[in-house]
N, C-alpha and C. Protein backbone atom coordinates (compact mmCIF):
# COMPACT_ATOMS: atom_id res chain seq x y z
N MET A 1 43.39 103.82 130.16
CA MET A 1 43.56 103.00 129.13
C MET A 1 42.19 102.22 128.97
N PRO A 2 41.62 102.32 127.99
CA PRO A 2 40.28 101.55 127.94
C PRO A 2 40.12 100.09 128.05
N GLN A 3 39.36 99.49 128.57
CA GLN A 3 39.16 98.31 129.34
C GLN A 3 39.46 97.12 128.07
N ASN A 4 39.23 97.33 126.94
CA ASN A 4 39.21 96.43 126.07
C ASN A 4 40.72 96.49 125.62
N ALA A 5 41.58 97.62 125.78
CA ALA A 5 42.93 97.62 125.30
C ALA A 5 43.61 96.93 126.50
N ARG A 6 43.19 96.71 127.70
CA ARG A 6 43.61 96.17 128.77
C ARG A 6 43.92 94.72 128.89
N LYS A 7 42.83 93.95 128.22
CA LYS A 7 42.13 92.77 128.21
C LYS A 7 43.31 91.65 127.64
N GLY A 8 44.37 91.99 127.03
CA GLY A 8 45.38 91.14 126.27
C GLY A 8 44.91 91.05 124.76
N GLY A 9 45.55 90.27 124.17
CA GLY A 9 45.33 89.97 123.10
C GLY A 9 46.25 90.96 122.03
N ALA A 10 46.86 91.98 122.60
CA ALA A 10 47.81 92.70 121.89
C ALA A 10 49.06 92.14 121.55
N SER A 11 49.91 92.49 120.53
CA SER A 11 51.05 92.18 120.41
C SER A 11 52.15 93.20 120.12
N GLY A 12 53.32 92.87 120.37
CA GLY A 12 54.49 93.89 120.15
C GLY A 12 54.28 94.74 118.73
N GLY A 13 54.35 95.80 118.83
CA GLY A 13 54.24 96.86 117.68
C GLY A 13 53.18 97.40 117.15
N GLN A 14 52.05 96.79 117.94
CA GLN A 14 50.70 97.26 117.78
C GLN A 14 50.44 98.92 118.13
N ILE A 15 49.90 99.65 117.52
CA ILE A 15 49.63 100.96 117.93
C ILE A 15 47.93 101.16 118.16
N LEU A 16 48.01 102.06 119.18
CA LEU A 16 46.62 102.87 119.60
C LEU A 16 46.74 103.94 119.75
N VAL A 17 45.84 104.82 119.10
CA VAL A 17 45.73 106.10 119.19
C VAL A 17 44.49 106.52 120.05
N LEU A 18 44.50 107.35 121.07
CA LEU A 18 43.38 107.83 121.98
C LEU A 18 43.39 109.42 121.77
N ARG A 19 42.24 109.93 121.61
CA ARG A 19 41.91 111.15 121.52
C ARG A 19 40.92 111.52 122.41
N ASN A 20 41.16 112.73 123.20
CA ASN A 20 40.03 113.00 124.41
C ASN A 20 39.48 114.36 123.74
N SER A 21 38.29 114.14 122.88
CA SER A 21 37.46 115.24 122.67
C SER A 21 36.43 115.71 123.78
N ASP A 22 36.63 115.07 124.63
CA ASP A 22 35.65 115.86 125.94
C ASP A 22 36.11 117.23 126.70
N ALA A 23 35.37 117.49 127.49
CA ALA A 23 35.85 118.87 128.16
C ALA A 23 36.54 118.65 129.21
N ASP A 24 36.76 117.34 129.83
CA ASP A 24 37.29 116.85 130.94
C ASP A 24 38.40 115.82 130.76
N PRO A 25 39.82 115.96 131.60
CA PRO A 25 40.68 115.09 131.28
C PRO A 25 40.29 113.62 131.54
N THR A 26 40.74 112.62 130.88
CA THR A 26 40.37 111.20 131.20
C THR A 26 40.92 110.82 132.69
N SER A 27 40.31 109.74 133.01
CA SER A 27 40.84 109.11 134.43
C SER A 27 41.44 107.89 134.25
N GLY A 28 42.00 107.12 135.07
CA GLY A 28 42.41 105.84 135.26
C GLY A 28 43.89 105.79 134.83
N ASP A 29 44.34 104.76 134.08
CA ASP A 29 45.53 104.62 133.69
C ASP A 29 46.35 105.47 132.81
N ALA A 30 45.54 106.25 131.64
CA ALA A 30 45.97 107.01 130.90
C ALA A 30 45.22 108.38 131.13
N ILE A 31 45.99 109.39 131.80
CA ILE A 31 45.35 110.76 131.95
C ILE A 31 45.48 111.43 130.67
N ILE A 32 44.52 112.11 129.91
CA ILE A 32 44.81 112.70 128.67
C ILE A 32 43.90 113.85 128.95
N PRO A 33 44.58 115.11 128.78
CA PRO A 33 43.93 116.46 128.66
C PRO A 33 42.91 116.71 127.79
N PRO A 34 41.97 117.41 127.87
CA PRO A 34 40.93 117.72 126.89
C PRO A 34 41.68 118.28 125.59
N GLY A 35 41.09 117.70 124.38
CA GLY A 35 41.72 118.18 123.23
C GLY A 35 43.11 117.41 122.68
N TYR A 36 43.71 116.66 123.64
CA TYR A 36 44.91 116.08 123.30
C TYR A 36 44.79 114.58 122.89
N THR A 37 45.55 114.28 121.95
CA THR A 37 45.59 112.99 121.34
C THR A 37 46.89 112.07 121.89
N VAL A 38 47.03 110.96 122.18
CA VAL A 38 48.18 110.25 122.61
C VAL A 38 48.18 109.06 121.91
N LEU A 39 49.49 108.78 121.52
CA LEU A 39 49.75 107.61 120.80
C LEU A 39 50.46 106.54 121.80
N PHE A 40 49.88 105.30 121.75
CA PHE A 40 50.49 104.29 122.58
C PHE A 40 51.08 103.19 121.66
N ILE A 41 51.99 102.49 121.98
CA ILE A 41 52.73 101.51 121.15
C ILE A 41 52.83 100.26 122.09
N HIS A 42 52.54 99.05 121.82
CA HIS A 42 52.79 97.90 122.51
C HIS A 42 53.75 97.43 122.35
N ASP A 43 54.74 97.14 123.43
CA ASP A 43 56.09 96.65 123.73
C ASP A 43 56.22 95.14 123.80
N GLY A 44 55.04 94.53 123.63
CA GLY A 44 55.32 92.89 123.75
C GLY A 44 54.51 92.78 125.14
N SER A 45 54.47 93.42 125.97
CA SER A 45 54.13 93.10 127.49
C SER A 45 52.96 94.14 127.99
N SER A 46 53.11 95.28 127.61
CA SER A 46 52.21 96.32 127.95
C SER A 46 52.41 97.67 127.06
N TRP A 47 51.28 98.61 127.14
CA TRP A 47 51.31 99.81 126.36
C TRP A 47 52.23 100.62 126.75
N ARG A 48 53.00 101.63 125.97
CA ARG A 48 53.68 102.53 126.31
C ARG A 48 53.28 103.79 125.74
N ASP A 49 53.22 104.96 126.35
CA ASP A 49 52.85 105.99 125.67
C ASP A 49 53.82 106.69 124.99
N VAL A 50 53.59 107.23 123.78
CA VAL A 50 54.58 108.05 122.88
C VAL A 50 54.03 109.49 122.98
N ARG A 51 54.80 110.35 123.50
CA ARG A 51 54.47 111.73 123.66
C ARG A 51 54.78 112.49 122.56
N VAL A 52 55.06 112.01 121.34
CA VAL A 52 55.50 112.77 120.08
C VAL A 52 54.27 113.57 119.73
N LEU A 53 52.97 113.19 119.96
CA LEU A 53 52.02 114.16 119.64
C LEU A 53 51.82 115.49 120.27
N GLU A 54 52.35 115.58 121.47
CA GLU A 54 52.40 116.59 122.10
C GLU A 54 53.54 117.59 121.88
N ALA A 55 54.51 117.36 121.11
CA ALA A 55 55.62 117.96 120.44
C ALA A 55 55.27 118.72 119.18
N ASP A 56 56.06 119.52 118.99
CA ASP A 56 55.98 120.48 117.63
C ASP A 56 56.98 119.69 116.72
N VAL A 57 56.77 119.19 116.18
CA VAL A 57 57.59 117.92 115.19
C VAL A 57 57.37 118.10 113.88
N LYS A 58 58.52 118.37 112.91
CA LYS A 58 58.32 118.39 111.73
C LYS A 58 58.77 117.09 110.95
N GLU A 59 59.56 116.27 111.65
CA GLU A 59 59.96 114.93 111.06
C GLU A 59 59.78 114.08 112.28
N LEU A 60 59.63 112.60 111.54
CA LEU A 60 59.74 111.38 112.51
C LEU A 60 60.85 110.80 111.71
N ARG A 61 61.88 110.38 112.18
CA ARG A 61 62.64 109.64 111.80
C ARG A 61 62.98 108.30 112.38
N GLY A 62 63.37 107.26 111.71
CA GLY A 62 63.78 106.07 112.23
C GLY A 62 62.37 105.05 112.16
N VAL A 63 61.38 105.39 111.32
CA VAL A 63 60.30 104.64 111.31
C VAL A 63 60.53 103.69 110.14
N SER A 64 60.60 102.24 110.72
CA SER A 64 60.80 101.44 109.59
C SER A 64 59.49 100.55 109.06
N SER A 65 58.38 100.98 109.86
CA SER A 65 57.26 99.95 109.26
C SER A 65 55.92 101.12 109.69
N PHE A 66 54.99 101.23 108.83
CA PHE A 66 53.53 101.89 109.22
C PHE A 66 52.48 101.41 108.40
N THR A 67 51.66 100.71 109.14
CA THR A 67 50.53 99.89 108.32
C THR A 67 49.17 100.86 109.03
N ALA A 68 48.39 101.02 107.90
CA ALA A 68 46.97 101.69 108.25
C ALA A 68 46.03 100.72 107.88
N ALA A 69 45.04 100.46 108.86
CA ALA A 69 44.05 99.69 108.60
C ALA A 69 42.85 100.15 107.61
N GLU A 70 43.00 101.52 107.35
CA GLU A 70 42.08 102.15 106.36
C GLU A 70 42.71 103.34 105.85
N ASP A 71 41.95 104.01 105.29
CA ASP A 71 42.65 105.51 104.50
C ASP A 71 43.08 106.23 105.66
N LEU A 72 44.01 107.13 105.51
CA LEU A 72 44.40 108.03 106.61
C LEU A 72 44.24 109.58 105.88
N ASP A 73 43.55 110.49 106.79
CA ASP A 73 43.38 111.94 106.52
C ASP A 73 44.45 112.41 107.29
N ILE A 74 45.62 113.17 106.56
CA ILE A 74 46.57 113.56 107.32
C ILE A 74 46.42 115.19 107.29
N GLY A 75 45.27 115.64 106.80
CA GLY A 75 45.13 116.95 106.73
C GLY A 75 46.03 117.71 105.75
N GLU A 76 46.61 119.06 106.17
CA GLU A 76 47.60 119.86 105.36
C GLU A 76 48.86 119.40 105.53
N PHE A 77 49.10 118.24 105.32
CA PHE A 77 50.64 117.80 105.43
C PHE A 77 50.97 116.70 104.06
N SER A 78 52.07 116.71 104.07
CA SER A 78 52.59 115.84 102.79
C SER A 78 53.50 114.85 103.35
N LEU A 79 53.56 113.56 102.86
CA LEU A 79 54.62 112.55 103.40
C LEU A 79 55.87 112.62 102.20
N THR A 80 57.00 112.54 102.51
CA THR A 80 58.10 112.52 101.55
C THR A 80 59.00 111.31 101.98
N TRP A 81 59.12 110.50 100.80
CA TRP A 81 60.26 109.35 100.97
C TRP A 81 61.68 110.05 100.79
N VAL A 82 62.63 109.92 101.61
CA VAL A 82 63.94 110.55 101.39
C VAL A 82 64.58 109.31 100.51
N MET A 83 64.44 107.91 101.10
CA MET A 83 65.17 107.07 100.53
C MET A 83 64.06 105.73 100.53
N PHE A 84 64.09 105.05 99.65
CA PHE A 84 63.47 103.46 99.56
C PHE A 84 64.21 102.50 99.07
N LEU A 85 64.38 101.49 100.02
CA LEU A 85 65.18 100.62 99.73
C LEU A 85 64.22 99.13 99.89
N SER A 86 64.06 98.47 98.53
CA SER A 86 63.29 97.32 98.57
C SER A 86 64.21 96.04 98.77
N THR A 87 63.75 95.39 99.74
CA THR A 87 64.51 93.87 100.00
C THR A 87 63.95 92.91 99.17
N VAL A 88 63.19 92.88 98.38
CA VAL A 88 62.46 91.90 97.42
C VAL A 88 63.53 91.54 96.39
């Protein structure tokens, strides 16, 4: 885990994406093989890795919120809303 991610200030639900584009695996708290990307989510007290990016998945279900700080490039994929419910 990067030093600045360990120092606190994170709150529950925050997401951190780490990609190892180096030829060697990372060391320390988060061992990430070369070429892999790992998604971490803060549970309110610590960062937990979510291994969904290592799986061959076509759907993510149960996502109730997703916020991006900037534009996202998701490549050759499309997003589809099956159901949209407004509470306003």
